Amino acid sequence: MNSRVVLERFPAGGPRGSWPAEEFARARRMEGQQAEVVMDLASDAFLVIVREPDASAVIEVTEVAAAA
């Protein structure tokens, strides 16, 4: 299972034509983070998140690299 880190949250009721969550995510992607925007329906907010691989996936990659 992938875990997620919430970088920032933005209310869904922003001004018309304004996309602050998308702009924030784009800026993080320009910095090299794999940021994406998701909707949290329970809080009516857009979340900018970064997905982190689970520990087992990291171990598998390390084991493959060590075997090579």
C-alpha atoms as a PDB file:
ATOM      1  CA  MET A   1       0.000   0.000   0.000  1.00  0.00           C
ATOM      2  CA  ASN A   2       1.242   3.489  -0.789  1.00  0.00           C
ATOM      3  CA  SER A   3       1.266   6.145   1.881  1.00  0.00           C
ATOM      4  CA  ARG A   4       0.620   9.781   1.131  1.00  0.00           C
ATOM      5  CA  VAL A   5       2.036  12.978   2.538  1.00  0.00           C
ATOM      6  CA  VAL A   6      -0.243  16.012   2.388  1.00  0.00           C
ATOM      7  CA  LEU A   7       1.824  19.051   1.450  1.00  0.00           C
ATOM      8  CA  GLU A   8      -1.013  21.589   1.475  1.00  0.00           C
ATOM      9  CA  ARG A   9      -4.812  21.819   1.477  1.00  0.00           C
ATOM     10  CA  PHE A  10      -6.980  24.339  -0.347  1.00  0.00           C
ATOM     11  CA  PRO A  11     -10.718  24.996   0.104  1.00  0.00           C
ATOM     12  CA  ALA A  12     -12.805  23.887  -2.866  1.00  0.00           C
ATOM     13  CA  GLY A  13     -14.718  27.171  -3.003  1.00  0.00           C
ATOM     14  CA  GLY A  14     -11.982  29.341  -4.500  1.00  0.00           C
ATOM     15  CA  PRO A  15     -12.643  32.264  -6.841  1.00  0.00           C
ATOM     16  CA  ARG A  16     -13.853  31.387 -10.325  1.00  0.00           C
ATOM     17  CA  GLY A  17     -10.957  30.667 -12.666  1.00  0.00           C
ATOM     18  CA  SER A  18      -8.534  30.268  -9.761  1.00  0.00           C
ATOM     19  CA  TRP A  19      -6.699  26.950  -9.360  1.00  0.00           C
ATOM     20  CA  PRO A  20      -4.436  27.441  -6.311  1.00  0.00           C
ATOM     21  CA  ALA A  21      -4.016  23.715  -5.603  1.00  0.00           C
ATOM     22  CA  GLU A  22      -2.973  23.012  -9.199  1.00  0.00           C
ATOM     23  CA  GLU A  23      -0.580  25.966  -9.170  1.00  0.00           C
ATOM     24  CA  PHE A  24       0.976  24.806  -5.896  1.00  0.00           C
ATOM     25  CA  ALA A  25       1.346  21.240  -7.215  1.00  0.00           C
ATOM     26  CA  ARG A  26       2.928  22.512 -10.447  1.00  0.00           C
ATOM     27  CA  ALA A  27       5.478  24.510  -8.438  1.00  0.00           C
ATOM     28  CA  ARG A  28       6.354  21.405  -6.383  1.00  0.00           C
ATOM     29  CA  ARG A  29       6.757  19.366  -9.591  1.00  0.00           C
ATOM     30  CA  MET A  30       9.143  22.023 -10.905  1.00  0.00           C
ATOM     31  CA  GLU A  31      11.178  21.382  -7.724  1.00  0.00           C
ATOM     32  CA  GLY A  32      11.298  17.663  -8.516  1.00  0.00           C
ATOM     33  CA  GLN A  33       8.535  16.361  -6.250  1.00  0.00           C
ATOM     34  CA  GLN A  34       5.836  14.142  -7.748  1.00  0.00           C
ATOM     35  CA  ALA A  35       2.996  16.240  -6.372  1.00  0.00           C
ATOM     36  CA  GLU A  36      -0.596  15.670  -7.414  1.00  0.00           C
ATOM     37  CA  VAL A  37      -3.973  17.119  -6.508  1.00  0.00           C
ATOM     38  CA  VAL A  38      -6.744  14.983  -5.028  1.00  0.00           C
ATOM     39  CA  MET A  39     -10.182  15.908  -3.734  1.00  0.00           C
ATOM     40  CA  ASP A  40     -11.104  15.219  -0.114  1.00  0.00           C
ATOM     41  CA  LEU A  41     -14.880  15.032  -0.313  1.00  0.00           C
ATOM     42  CA  ALA A  42     -15.343  14.827   3.461  1.00  0.00           C
ATOM     43  CA  SER A  43     -13.705  18.223   4.052  1.00  0.00           C
ATOM     44  CA  ASP A  44     -14.600  19.743   0.647  1.00  0.00           C
ATOM     45  CA  ALA A  45     -10.954  20.567   0.006  1.00  0.00           C
ATOM     46  CA  PHE A  46      -8.285  19.901  -2.587  1.00  0.00           C
ATOM     47  CA  LEU A  47      -5.158  18.263  -1.182  1.00  0.00           C
ATOM     48  CA  VAL A  48      -1.726  18.461  -2.766  1.00  0.00           C
ATOM     49  CA  ILE A  49      -0.072  15.138  -1.986  1.00  0.00           C
ATOM     50  CA  VAL A  50       3.094  13.193  -2.656  1.00  0.00           C
ATOM     51  CA  ARG A  51       2.782   9.418  -2.733  1.00  0.00           C
ATOM     52  CA  GLU A  52       5.513   7.482  -0.950  1.00  0.00           C
ATOM     53  CA  PRO A  53       6.255   3.871  -1.842  1.00  0.00           C
ATOM     54  CA  ASP A  54       5.817   1.345   0.931  1.00  0.00           C
ATOM     55  CA  ALA A  55       8.904  -0.059   2.625  1.00  0.00           C
ATOM     56  CA  SER A  56       8.669  -3.462   0.907  1.00  0.00           C
ATOM     57  CA  ALA A  57       8.941  -1.858  -2.543  1.00  0.00           C
ATOM     58  CA  VAL A  58      12.059   0.018  -1.471  1.00  0.00           C
ATOM     59  CA  ILE A  59      13.611  -3.177  -0.077  1.00  0.00           C
ATOM     60  CA  GLU A  60      12.887  -5.075  -3.297  1.00  0.00           C
ATOM     61  CA  VAL A  61      14.612  -2.422  -5.413  1.00  0.00           C
ATOM     62  CA  THR A  62      17.608  -2.404  -3.061  1.00  0.00           C
ATOM     63  CA  GLU A  63      17.883  -6.200  -3.195  1.00  0.00           C
ATOM     64  CA  VAL A  64      17.764  -6.200  -7.007  1.00  0.00           C
ATOM     65  CA  ALA A  65      20.451  -3.514  -7.194  1.00  0.00           C
ATOM     66  CA  ALA A  66      22.683  -5.423  -4.759  1.00  0.00           C
ATOM     67  CA  ALA A  67      22.333  -8.640  -6.774  1.00  0.00           C
ATOM     68  CA  ALA A  68      23.415  -6.951 -10.025  1.00  0.00           C
END
